[in-house]
Amino acid sequence: ASSAEVAMLCAALKPRYHFATSSSDFFYEREPFFHPPADPES
């Protein structure tokens, strides 16, 4: 179960870890993904 609203929340917060749960019996760990820099000088 997913939503675009949660995707936009993750995109805005850029959390170091994002945990959700699977309703079915499977585990999923995505490769780390990096966000565009908020400050080009950093």
PDB file of all heavy atoms in Angstrom:
ATOM      1  N   ALA A   1       0.853  -1.189   0.000  1.00  0.00           N
ATOM      2  CA  ALA A   1       0.000   0.000   0.000  1.00  0.00           C
ATOM      3  C   ALA A   1       0.887   1.236   0.000  1.00  0.00           C
ATOM      4  O   ALA A   1       1.745   1.406   0.867  1.00  0.00           O
ATOM      5  CB  ALA A   1      -0.906  -0.004   1.227  1.00  0.00           C
ATOM      6  N   SER A   2       0.695   2.112  -0.983  1.00  0.00           N
ATOM      7  CA  SER A   2       1.564   3.276  -1.121  1.00  0.00           C
ATOM      8  C   SER A   2       0.750   4.504  -1.495  1.00  0.00           C
ATOM      9  O   SER A   2      -0.423   4.400  -1.876  1.00  0.00           O
ATOM     10  CB  SER A   2       2.632   3.021  -2.190  1.00  0.00           C
ATOM     11  OG  SER A   2       2.031   2.856  -3.457  1.00  0.00           O
ATOM     12  N   SER A   3       1.377   5.666  -1.397  1.00  0.00           N
ATOM     13  CA  SER A   3       0.692   6.895  -1.789  1.00  0.00           C
ATOM     14  C   SER A   3       1.700   7.927  -2.254  1.00  0.00           C
ATOM     15  O   SER A   3       2.844   7.959  -1.798  1.00  0.00           O
ATOM     16  CB  SER A   3      -0.128   7.463  -0.629  1.00  0.00           C
ATOM     17  OG  SER A   3       0.694   8.137   0.300  1.00  0.00           O
ATOM     18  N   ALA A   4       1.257   8.780  -3.171  1.00  0.00           N
ATOM     19  CA  ALA A   4       2.095   9.877  -3.651  1.00  0.00           C
ATOM     20  C   ALA A   4       2.347  10.882  -2.535  1.00  0.00           C
ATOM     21  O   ALA A   4       3.399  11.523  -2.486  1.00  0.00           O
ATOM     22  CB  ALA A   4       1.429  10.560  -4.837  1.00  0.00           C
ATOM     23  N   GLU A   5       1.366  11.015  -1.608  1.00  0.00           N
ATOM     24  CA  GLU A   5       1.524  11.965  -0.507  1.00  0.00           C
ATOM     25  C   GLU A   5       2.700  11.588   0.384  1.00  0.00           C
ATOM     26  O   GLU A   5       3.465  12.456   0.821  1.00  0.00           O
ATOM     27  CB  GLU A   5       0.233  12.037   0.313  1.00  0.00           C
ATOM     28  CG  GLU A   5      -0.922  12.750  -0.368  1.00  0.00           C
ATOM     29  CD  GLU A   5      -1.597  11.919  -1.450  1.00  0.00           C
ATOM     30  OE1 GLU A   5      -1.315  10.702  -1.544  1.00  0.00           O
ATOM     31  OE2 GLU A   5      -2.413  12.490  -2.198  1.00  0.00           O
ATOM     32  N   VAL A   6       2.858  10.292   0.671  1.00  0.00           N
ATOM     33  CA  VAL A   6       3.994   9.841   1.481  1.00  0.00           C
ATOM     34  C   VAL A   6       5.294  10.014   0.702  1.00  0.00           C
ATOM     35  O   VAL A   6       6.338  10.346   1.270  1.00  0.00           O
ATOM     36  CB  VAL A   6       3.788   8.387   1.932  1.00  0.00           C
ATOM     37  CG1 VAL A   6       5.059   7.838   2.577  1.00  0.00           C
ATOM     38  CG2 VAL A   6       2.632   8.289   2.913  1.00  0.00           C
ATOM     39  N   ALA A   7       5.245   9.802  -0.620  1.00  0.00           N
ATOM     40  CA  ALA A   7       6.440  10.017  -1.439  1.00  0.00           C
ATOM     41  C   ALA A   7       6.894  11.471  -1.372  1.00  0.00           C
ATOM     42  O   ALA A   7       8.086  11.762  -1.232  1.00  0.00           O
ATOM     43  CB  ALA A   7       6.148   9.618  -2.883  1.00  0.00           C
ATOM     44  N   MET A   8       5.945  12.390  -1.463  1.00  0.00           N
ATOM     45  CA  MET A   8       6.302  13.810  -1.401  1.00  0.00           C
ATOM     46  C   MET A   8       6.802  14.185  -0.012  1.00  0.00           C
ATOM     47  O   MET A   8       7.669  15.061   0.131  1.00  0.00           O
ATOM     48  CB  MET A   8       5.107  14.660  -1.808  1.00  0.00           C
ATOM     49  CG  MET A   8       4.821  14.609  -3.310  1.00  0.00           C
ATOM     50  SD  MET A   8       3.532  15.761  -3.845  1.00  0.00           S
ATOM     51  CE  MET A   8       2.067  14.865  -3.351  1.00  0.00           C
ATOM     52  N   LEU A   9       6.265  13.526   1.020  1.00  0.00           N
ATOM     53  CA  LEU A   9       6.754  13.778   2.380  1.00  0.00           C
ATOM     54  C   LEU A   9       8.201  13.326   2.509  1.00  0.00           C
ATOM     55  O   LEU A   9       9.042  14.041   3.069  1.00  0.00           O
ATOM     56  CB  LEU A   9       5.865  13.047   3.384  1.00  0.00           C
ATOM     57  CG  LEU A   9       6.270  13.138   4.855  1.00  0.00           C
ATOM     58  CD1 LEU A   9       6.278  14.593   5.330  1.00  0.00           C
ATOM     59  CD2 LEU A   9       5.331  12.297   5.731  1.00  0.00           C
ATOM     60  N   CYS A  10       8.512  12.152   1.988  1.00  0.00           N
ATOM     61  CA  CYS A  10       9.886  11.646   2.036  1.00  0.00           C
ATOM     62  C   CYS A  10      10.814  12.556   1.239  1.00  0.00           C
ATOM     63  O   CYS A  10      11.931  12.862   1.672  1.00  0.00           O
ATOM     64  CB  CYS A  10       9.928  10.218   1.491  1.00  0.00           C
ATOM     65  SG  CYS A  10      11.568   9.460   1.537  1.00  0.00           S
ATOM     66  N   ALA A  11      10.342  13.020   0.083  1.00  0.00           N
ATOM     67  CA  ALA A  11      11.161  13.905  -0.741  1.00  0.00           C
ATOM     68  C   ALA A  11      11.455  15.218  -0.030  1.00  0.00           C
ATOM     69  O   ALA A  11      12.547  15.780  -0.154  1.00  0.00           O
ATOM     70  CB  ALA A  11      10.455  14.170  -2.071  1.00  0.00           C
ATOM     71  N   ALA A  12      10.472  15.722   0.723  1.00  0.00           N
ATOM     72  CA  ALA A  12      10.644  17.003   1.415  1.00  0.00           C
ATOM     73  C   ALA A  12      11.562  16.880   2.629  1.00  0.00           C
ATOM     74  O   ALA A  12      12.407  17.735   2.878  1.00  0.00           O
ATOM     75  CB  ALA A  12       9.288  17.554   1.834  1.00  0.00           C
ATOM     76  N   LEU A  13      11.388  15.793   3.410  1.00  0.00           N
ATOM     77  CA  LEU A  13      12.144  15.648   4.663  1.00  0.00           C
ATOM     78  C   LEU A  13      13.540  15.080   4.456  1.00  0.00           C
ATOM     79  O   LEU A  13      14.427  15.284   5.281  1.00  0.00           O
ATOM     80  CB  LEU A  13      11.377  14.749   5.637  1.00  0.00           C
ATOM     81  CG  LEU A  13      10.000  15.228   6.086  1.00  0.00           C
ATOM     82  CD1 LEU A  13       9.440  14.284   7.142  1.00  0.00           C
ATOM     83  CD2 LEU A  13      10.056  16.645   6.634  1.00  0.00           C
ATOM     84  N   LYS A  14      13.717  14.300   3.390  1.00  0.00           N
ATOM     85  CA  LYS A  14      15.009  13.649   3.134  1.00  0.00           C
ATOM     86  C   LYS A  14      15.501  12.894   4.379  1.00  0.00           C
ATOM     87  O   LYS A  14      16.621  13.110   4.868  1.00  0.00           O
ATOM     88  CB  LYS A  14      16.061  14.673   2.697  1.00  0.00           C
ATOM     89  CG  LYS A  14      15.679  15.487   1.466  1.00  0.00           C
ATOM     90  CD  LYS A  14      16.737  16.527   1.150  1.00  0.00           C
ATOM     91  CE  LYS A  14      16.391  17.351  -0.077  1.00  0.00           C
ATOM     92  NZ  LYS A  14      15.154  18.147   0.099  1.00  0.00           N
ATOM     93  N   PRO A  15      14.694  11.997   4.920  1.00  0.00           N
ATOM     94  CA  PRO A  15      15.099  11.303   6.154  1.00  0.00           C
ATOM     95  C   PRO A  15      16.297  10.400   5.920  1.00  0.00           C
ATOM     96  O   PRO A  15      16.503   9.911   4.803  1.00  0.00           O
ATOM     97  CB  PRO A  15      13.846  10.483   6.500  1.00  0.00           C
ATOM     98  CG  PRO A  15      13.212  10.213   5.172  1.00  0.00           C
ATOM     99  CD  PRO A  15      13.432  11.469   4.371  1.00  0.00           C
ATOM    100  N   ARG A  16      17.048  10.166   6.943  1.00  0.00           N
ATOM    101  CA  ARG A  16      18.178   9.242   6.823  1.00  0.00           C
ATOM    102  C   ARG A  16      17.683   7.802   6.733  1.00  0.00           C
ATOM    103  O   ARG A  16      18.295   6.980   6.039  1.00  0.00           O
ATOM    104  CB  ARG A  16      19.119   9.431   8.011  1.00  0.00           C
ATOM    105  CG  ARG A  16      19.759  10.828   7.996  1.00  0.00           C
ATOM    106  CD  ARG A  16      20.347  11.199   9.334  1.00  0.00           C
ATOM    107  NE  ARG A  16      21.543  10.425   9.642  1.00  0.00           N
ATOM    108  CZ  ARG A  16      22.223  10.537  10.773  1.00  0.00           C
ATOM    109  NH1 ARG A  16      21.819  11.391  11.704  1.00  0.00           N
ATOM    110  NH2 ARG A  16      23.300   9.810  10.997  1.00  0.00           N
ATOM    111  N   TYR A  17      16.583   7.517   7.436  1.00  0.00           N
ATOM    112  CA  TYR A  17      15.928   6.209   7.340  1.00  0.00           C
ATOM    113  C   TYR A  17      14.426   6.420   7.219  1.00  0.00           C
ATOM    114  O   TYR A  17      13.846   7.253   7.918  1.00  0.00           O
ATOM    115  CB  TYR A  17      16.219   5.342   8.573  1.00  0.00           C
ATOM    116  CG  TYR A  17      17.605   4.751   8.603  1.00  0.00           C
ATOM    117  CD1 TYR A  17      18.673   5.475   9.121  1.00  0.00           C
ATOM    118  CD2 TYR A  17      17.857   3.465   8.116  1.00  0.00           C
ATOM    119  CE1 TYR A  17      19.962   4.949   9.146  1.00  0.00           C
ATOM    120  CE2 TYR A  17      19.134   2.925   8.140  1.00  0.00           C
ATOM    121  CZ  TYR A  17      20.180   3.668   8.653  1.00  0.00           C
ATOM    122  OH  TYR A  17      21.444   3.137   8.672  1.00  0.00           O
ATOM    123  N   HIS A  18      13.811   5.658   6.337  1.00  0.00           N
ATOM    124  CA  HIS A  18      12.359   5.674   6.186  1.00  0.00           C
ATOM    125  C   HIS A  18      11.874   4.240   6.371  1.00  0.00           C
ATOM    126  O   HIS A  18      12.233   3.349   5.606  1.00  0.00           O
ATOM    127  CB  HIS A  18      11.970   6.198   4.800  1.00  0.00           C
ATOM    128  CG  HIS A  18      10.494   6.320   4.585  1.00  0.00           C
ATOM    129  ND1 HIS A  18       9.949   6.904   3.465  1.00  0.00           N
ATOM    130  CD2 HIS A  18       9.426   5.915   5.343  1.00  0.00           C
ATOM    131  CE1 HIS A  18       8.627   6.880   3.537  1.00  0.00           C
ATOM    132  NE2 HIS A  18       8.298   6.262   4.663  1.00  0.00           N
ATOM    133  N   PHE A  19      11.072   4.019   7.425  1.00  0.00           N
ATOM    134  CA  PHE A  19      10.557   2.690   7.719  1.00  0.00           C
ATOM    135  C   PHE A  19       9.055   2.631   7.453  1.00  0.00           C
ATOM    136  O   PHE A  19       8.300   3.536   7.823  1.00  0.00           O
ATOM    137  CB  PHE A  19      10.817   2.316   9.186  1.00  0.00           C
ATOM    138  CG  PHE A  19      12.256   2.036   9.490  1.00  0.00           C
ATOM    139  CD1 PHE A  19      13.059   3.004  10.070  1.00  0.00           C
ATOM    140  CD2 PHE A  19      12.813   0.798   9.194  1.00  0.00           C
ATOM    141  CE1 PHE A  19      14.394   2.763  10.348  1.00  0.00           C
ATOM    142  CE2 PHE A  19      14.152   0.534   9.469  1.00  0.00           C
ATOM    143  CZ  PHE A  19      14.942   1.516  10.053  1.00  0.00           C
ATOM    144  N   ALA A  20       8.638   1.567   6.799  1.00  0.00           N
ATOM    145  CA  ALA A  20       7.217   1.277   6.608  1.00  0.00           C
ATOM    146  C   ALA A  20       7.047  -0.205   6.927  1.00  0.00           C
ATOM    147  O   ALA A  20       7.942  -0.852   7.467  1.00  0.00           O
ATOM    148  CB  ALA A  20       6.773   1.616   5.192  1.00  0.00           C
ATOM    149  N   THR A  21       5.912  -0.746   6.591  1.00  0.00           N
ATOM    150  CA  THR A  21       5.658  -2.154   6.886  1.00  0.00           C
ATOM    151  C   THR A  21       5.039  -2.827   5.681  1.00  0.00           C
ATOM    152  O   THR A  21       4.414  -2.168   4.837  1.00  0.00           O
ATOM    153  CB  THR A  21       4.738  -2.298   8.109  1.00  0.00           C
ATOM    154  OG1 THR A  21       4.695  -3.665   8.512  1.00  0.00           O
ATOM    155  CG2 THR A  21       3.333  -1.816   7.790  1.00  0.00           C
ATOM    156  N   SER A  22       5.249  -4.108   5.567  1.00  0.00           N
ATOM    157  CA  SER A  22       4.669  -4.894   4.478  1.00  0.00           C
ATOM    158  C   SER A  22       3.501  -5.700   5.009  1.00  0.00           C
ATOM    159  O   SER A  22       3.628  -6.393   6.030  1.00  0.00           O
ATOM    160  CB  SER A  22       5.718  -5.842   3.882  1.00  0.00           C
ATOM    161  OG  SER A  22       6.842  -5.128   3.419  1.00  0.00           O
ATOM    162  N   SER A  23       2.369  -5.597   4.341  1.00  0.00           N
ATOM    163  CA  SER A  23       1.209  -6.382   4.779  1.00  0.00           C
ATOM    164  C   SER A  23       1.381  -7.850   4.433  1.00  0.00           C
ATOM    165  O   SER A  23       0.875  -8.734   5.123  1.00  0.00           O
ATOM    166  CB  SER A  23      -0.071  -5.833   4.135  1.00  0.00           C
ATOM    167  OG  SER A  23       0.056  -5.803   2.720  1.00  0.00           O
ATOM    168  N   SER A  24       2.120  -8.126   3.360  1.00  0.00           N
ATOM    169  CA  SER A  24       2.415  -9.508   2.992  1.00  0.00           C
ATOM    170  C   SER A  24       3.723  -9.953   3.643  1.00  0.00           C
ATOM    171  O   SER A  24       4.459  -9.134   4.204  1.00  0.00           O
ATOM    172  CB  SER A  24       2.508  -9.642   1.468  1.00  0.00           C
ATOM    173  OG  SER A  24       1.298  -9.246   0.858  1.00  0.00           O
ATOM    174  N   ASP A  25       4.019 -11.238   3.530  1.00  0.00           N
ATOM    175  CA  ASP A  25       5.186 -11.794   4.219  1.00  0.00           C
ATOM    176  C   ASP A  25       6.455 -11.602   3.398  1.00  0.00           C
ATOM    177  O   ASP A  25       7.068 -12.564   2.909  1.00  0.00           O
ATOM    178  CB  ASP A  25       4.960 -13.288   4.507  1.00  0.00           C
ATOM    179  CG  ASP A  25       3.871 -13.517   5.535  1.00  0.00           C
ATOM    180  OD1 ASP A  25       3.387 -12.531   6.112  1.00  0.00           O
ATOM    181  OD2 ASP A  25       3.485 -14.680   5.748  1.00  0.00           O
ATOM    182  N   PHE A  26       6.875 -10.346   3.229  1.00  0.00           N
ATOM    183  CA  PHE A  26       8.147 -10.110   2.557  1.00  0.00           C
ATOM    184  C   PHE A  26       8.849  -8.895   3.167  1.00  0.00           C
ATOM    185  O   PHE A  26       8.222  -8.015   3.742  1.00  0.00           O
ATOM    186  CB  PHE A  26       7.964  -9.927   1.043  1.00  0.00           C
ATOM    187  CG  PHE A  26       7.333  -8.618   0.636  1.00  0.00           C
ATOM    188  CD1 PHE A  26       8.115  -7.508   0.328  1.00  0.00           C
ATOM    189  CD2 PHE A  26       5.955  -8.489   0.555  1.00  0.00           C
ATOM    190  CE1 PHE A  26       7.542  -6.304  -0.043  1.00  0.00           C
ATOM    191  CE2 PHE A  26       5.373  -7.289   0.182  1.00  0.00           C
ATOM    192  CZ  PHE A  26       6.173  -6.191  -0.117  1.00  0.00           C
ATOM    193  N   PHE A  27      10.178  -8.930   3.041  1.00  0.00           N
ATOM    194  CA  PHE A  27      11.032  -7.846   3.526  1.00  0.00           C
ATOM    195  C   PHE A  27      11.634  -7.142   2.314  1.00  0.00           C
ATOM    196  O   PHE A  27      11.994  -7.782   1.328  1.00  0.00           O
ATOM    197  CB  PHE A  27      12.156  -8.425   4.397  1.00  0.00           C
ATOM    198  CG  PHE A  27      13.279  -7.457   4.689  1.00  0.00           C
ATOM    199  CD1 PHE A  27      13.159  -6.523   5.705  1.00  0.00           C
ATOM    200  CD2 PHE A  27      14.456  -7.493   3.947  1.00  0.00           C
ATOM    201  CE1 PHE A  27      14.194  -5.634   5.974  1.00  0.00           C
ATOM    202  CE2 PHE A  27      15.496  -6.608   4.214  1.00  0.00           C
ATOM    203  CZ  PHE A  27      15.361  -5.676   5.242  1.00  0.00           C
ATOM    204  N   TYR A  28      11.707  -5.818   2.375  1.00  0.00           N
ATOM    205  CA  TYR A  28      12.280  -5.072   1.257  1.00  0.00           C
ATOM    206  C   TYR A  28      13.202  -3.991   1.783  1.00  0.00           C
ATOM    207  O   TYR A  28      12.812  -3.192   2.649  1.00  0.00           O
ATOM    208  CB  TYR A  28      11.176  -4.430   0.413  1.00  0.00           C
ATOM    209  CG  TYR A  28      11.685  -3.596  -0.739  1.00  0.00           C
ATOM    210  CD1 TYR A  28      12.309  -4.187  -1.840  1.00  0.00           C
ATOM    211  CD2 TYR A  28      11.543  -2.212  -0.729  1.00  0.00           C
ATOM    212  CE1 TYR A  28      12.774  -3.428  -2.898  1.00  0.00           C
ATOM    213  CE2 TYR A  28      12.007  -1.435  -1.787  1.00  0.00           C
ATOM    214  CZ  TYR A  28      12.620  -2.051  -2.866  1.00  0.00           C
ATOM    215  OH  TYR A  28      13.078  -1.290  -3.922  1.00  0.00           O
ATOM    216  N   GLU A  29      14.431  -3.986   1.302  1.00  0.00           N
ATOM    217  CA  GLU A  29      15.382  -2.917   1.613  1.00  0.00           C
ATOM    218  C   GLU A  29      15.913  -2.375   0.298  1.00  0.00           C
ATOM    219  O   GLU A  29      16.596  -3.071  -0.454  1.00  0.00           O
ATOM    220  CB  GLU A  29      16.535  -3.411   2.484  1.00  0.00           C
ATOM    221  CG  GLU A  29      17.520  -2.306   2.837  1.00  0.00           C
ATOM    222  CD  GLU A  29      18.573  -2.742   3.842  1.00  0.00           C
ATOM    223  OE1 GLU A  29      18.687  -3.957   4.113  1.00  0.00           O
ATOM    224  OE2 GLU A  29      19.297  -1.854   4.351  1.00  0.00           O
ATOM    225  N   ARG A  30      15.560  -1.145   0.031  1.00  0.00           N
ATOM    226  CA  ARG A  30      15.998  -0.511  -1.209  1.00  0.00           C
ATOM    227  C   ARG A  30      17.437  -0.028  -1.071  1.00  0.00           C
ATOM    228  O   ARG A  30      17.894   0.274   0.031  1.00  0.00           O
ATOM    229  CB  ARG A  30      15.087   0.685  -1.525  1.00  0.00           C
ATOM    230  CG  ARG A  30      15.233   1.232  -2.927  1.00  0.00           C
ATOM    231  CD  ARG A  30      14.696   2.642  -3.012  1.00  0.00           C
ATOM    232  NE  ARG A  30      14.666   3.120  -4.376  1.00  0.00           N
ATOM    233  CZ  ARG A  30      15.735   3.557  -5.049  1.00  0.00           C
ATOM    234  NH1 ARG A  30      16.927   3.564  -4.465  1.00  0.00           N
ATOM    235  NH2 ARG A  30      15.610   3.978  -6.295  1.00  0.00           N
ATOM    236  N   GLU A  31      18.144   0.075  -2.186  1.00  0.00           N
ATOM    237  CA  GLU A  31      19.459   0.718  -2.133  1.00  0.00           C
ATOM    238  C   GLU A  31      19.294   2.149  -1.612  1.00  0.00           C
ATOM    239  O   GLU A  31      18.252   2.772  -1.802  1.00  0.00           O
ATOM    240  CB  GLU A  31      20.104   0.806  -3.529  1.00  0.00           C
ATOM    241  CG  GLU A  31      20.133  -0.465  -4.315  1.00  0.00           C
ATOM    242  CD  GLU A  31      19.016  -0.503  -5.332  1.00  0.00           C
ATOM    243  OE1 GLU A  31      17.864  -0.133  -4.968  1.00  0.00           O
ATOM    244  OE2 GLU A  31      19.277  -0.895  -6.471  1.00  0.00           O
ATOM    245  N   PRO A  32      20.314   2.685  -0.955  1.00  0.00           N
ATOM    246  CA  PRO A  32      20.215   4.091  -0.541  1.00  0.00           C
ATOM    247  C   PRO A  32      19.998   4.987  -1.760  1.00  0.00           C
ATOM    248  O   PRO A  32      20.502   4.688  -2.852  1.00  0.00           O
ATOM    249  CB  PRO A  32      21.581   4.364   0.101  1.00  0.00           C
ATOM    250  CG  PRO A  32      22.126   3.015   0.458  1.00  0.00           C
ATOM    251  CD  PRO A  32      21.594   2.074  -0.572  1.00  0.00           C
ATOM    252  N   PHE A  33      19.227   6.043  -1.577  1.00  0.00           N
ATOM    253  CA  PHE A  33      19.064   6.994  -2.686  1.00  0.00           C
ATOM    254  C   PHE A  33      19.373   8.399  -2.176  1.00  0.00           C
ATOM    255  O   PHE A  33      19.104   8.740  -1.028  1.00  0.00           O
ATOM    256  CB  PHE A  33      17.678   6.914  -3.325  1.00  0.00           C
ATOM    257  CG  PHE A  33      16.511   7.086  -2.397  1.00  0.00           C
ATOM    258  CD1 PHE A  33      15.978   8.344  -2.117  1.00  0.00           C
ATOM    259  CD2 PHE A  33      15.906   5.968  -1.814  1.00  0.00           C
ATOM    260  CE1 PHE A  33      14.884   8.488  -1.276  1.00  0.00           C
ATOM    261  CE2 PHE A  33      14.806   6.104  -0.975  1.00  0.00           C
ATOM    262  CZ  PHE A  33      14.295   7.371  -0.703  1.00  0.00           C
ATOM    263  N   PHE A  34      19.981   9.198  -3.051  1.00  0.00           N
ATOM    264  CA  PHE A  34      20.404  10.538  -2.660  1.00  0.00           C
ATOM    265  C   PHE A  34      19.507  11.579  -3.311  1.00  0.00           C
ATOM    266  O   PHE A  34      18.962  11.388  -4.393  1.00  0.00           O
ATOM    267  CB  PHE A  34      21.867  10.782  -2.999  1.00  0.00           C
ATOM    268  CG  PHE A  34      22.226  10.597  -4.451  1.00  0.00           C
ATOM    269  CD1 PHE A  34      22.155  11.662  -5.351  1.00  0.00           C
ATOM    270  CD2 PHE A  34      22.625   9.351  -4.924  1.00  0.00           C
ATOM    271  CE1 PHE A  34      22.479  11.486  -6.677  1.00  0.00           C
ATOM    272  CE2 PHE A  34      22.947   9.170  -6.263  1.00  0.00           C
ATOM    273  CZ  PHE A  34      22.872  10.239  -7.149  1.00  0.00           C
ATOM    274  N   HIS A  35      19.356  12.688  -2.599  1.00  0.00           N
ATOM    275  CA  HIS A  35      18.467  13.761  -3.025  1.00  0.00           C
ATOM    276  C   HIS A  35      19.270  14.892  -3.660  1.00  0.00           C
ATOM    277  O   HIS A  35      20.454  15.077  -3.343  1.00  0.00           O
ATOM    278  CB  HIS A  35      17.689  14.313  -1.828  1.00  0.00           C
ATOM    279  CG  HIS A  35      16.891  13.292  -1.103  1.00  0.00           C
ATOM    280  ND1 HIS A  35      15.568  13.044  -1.364  1.00  0.00           N
ATOM    281  CD2 HIS A  35      17.241  12.429  -0.110  1.00  0.00           C
ATOM    282  CE1 HIS A  35      15.128  12.097  -0.559  1.00  0.00           C
ATOM    283  NE2 HIS A  35      16.122  11.702   0.205  1.00  0.00           N
ATOM    284  N   PRO A  36      18.661  15.686  -4.525  1.00  0.00           N
ATOM    285  CA  PRO A  36      19.346  16.871  -5.052  1.00  0.00           C
ATOM    286  C   PRO A  36      19.744  17.787  -3.904  1.00  0.00           C
ATOM    287  O   PRO A  36      19.011  17.911  -2.922  1.00  0.00           O
ATOM    288  CB  PRO A  36      18.282  17.538  -5.930  1.00  0.00           C
ATOM    289  CG  PRO A  36      17.311  16.453  -6.252  1.00  0.00           C
ATOM    290  CD  PRO A  36      17.311  15.537  -5.067  1.00  0.00           C
ATOM    291  N   PRO A  37      20.911  18.437  -3.982  1.00  0.00           N
ATOM    292  CA  PRO A  37      21.366  19.289  -2.871  1.00  0.00           C
ATOM    293  C   PRO A  37      20.446  20.482  -2.672  1.00  0.00           C
ATOM    294  O   PRO A  37      20.036  21.140  -3.626  1.00  0.00           O
ATOM    295  CB  PRO A  37      22.768  19.728  -3.308  1.00  0.00           C
ATOM    296  CG  PRO A  37      22.760  19.599  -4.801  1.00  0.00           C
ATOM    297  CD  PRO A  37      21.866  18.438  -5.103  1.00  0.00           C
ATOM    298  N   ALA A  38      20.125  20.754  -1.399  1.00  0.00           N
ATOM    299  CA  ALA A  38      19.311  21.925  -1.078  1.00  0.00           C
ATOM    300  C   ALA A  38      20.144  23.188  -1.181  1.00  0.00           C
ATOM    301  O   ALA A  38      19.637  24.262  -1.499  1.00  0.00           O
ATOM    302  CB  ALA A  38      18.721  21.789   0.321  1.00  0.00           C
ATOM    303  N   ASP A  39      21.432  23.070  -0.898  1.00  0.00           N
ATOM    304  CA  ASP A  39      22.340  24.210  -0.944  1.00  0.00           C
ATOM    305  C   ASP A  39      23.504  23.857  -1.867  1.00  0.00           C
ATOM    306  O   ASP A  39      24.332  23.013  -1.535  1.00  0.00           O
ATOM    307  CB  ASP A  39      22.859  24.528   0.465  1.00  0.00           C
ATOM    308  CG  ASP A  39      23.800  25.721   0.487  1.00  0.00           C
ATOM    309  OD1 ASP A  39      23.995  26.336  -0.578  1.00  0.00           O
ATOM    310  OD2 ASP A  39      24.328  26.027   1.568  1.00  0.00           O
ATOM    311  N   PRO A  40      23.582  24.467  -3.046  1.00  0.00           N
ATOM    312  CA  PRO A  40      24.639  24.126  -3.991  1.00  0.00           C
ATOM    313  C   PRO A  40      26.039  24.422  -3.473  1.00  0.00           C
ATOM    314  O   PRO A  40      27.016  23.897  -3.992  1.00  0.00           O
ATOM    315  CB  PRO A  40      24.306  25.000  -5.219  1.00  0.00           C
ATOM    316  CG  PRO A  40      23.447  26.101  -4.697  1.00  0.00           C
ATOM    317  CD  PRO A  40      22.688  25.511  -3.554  1.00  0.00           C
ATOM    318  N   GLU A  41      26.162  25.257  -2.428  1.00  0.00           N
ATOM    319  CA  GLU A  41      27.475  25.586  -1.886  1.00  0.00           C
ATOM    320  C   GLU A  41      27.902  24.628  -0.770  1.00  0.00           C
ATOM    321  O   GLU A  41      29.006  24.735  -0.249  1.00  0.00           O
ATOM    322  CB  GLU A  41      27.472  27.023  -1.359  1.00  0.00           C
ATOM    323  CG  GLU A  41      27.230  28.065  -2.448  1.00  0.00           C
ATOM    324  CD  GLU A  41      27.286  29.474  -1.919  1.00  0.00           C
ATOM    325  OE1 GLU A  41      27.544  29.634  -0.704  1.00  0.00           O
ATOM    326  OE2 GLU A  41      27.073  30.415  -2.702  1.00  0.00           O
ATOM    327  N   SER A  42      27.012  23.716  -0.386  1.00  0.00           N
ATOM    328  CA  SER A  42      27.330  22.770   0.690  1.00  0.00           C
ATOM    329  C   SER A  42      27.779  21.445   0.110  1.00  0.00           C
ATOM    330  O   SER A  42      27.292  20.997  -0.936  1.00  0.00           O
ATOM    331  CB  SER A  42      26.100  22.559   1.580  1.00  0.00           C
ATOM    332  OG  SER A  42      26.332  21.526   2.524  1.00  0.00           O
TER     333      SER A  42
END
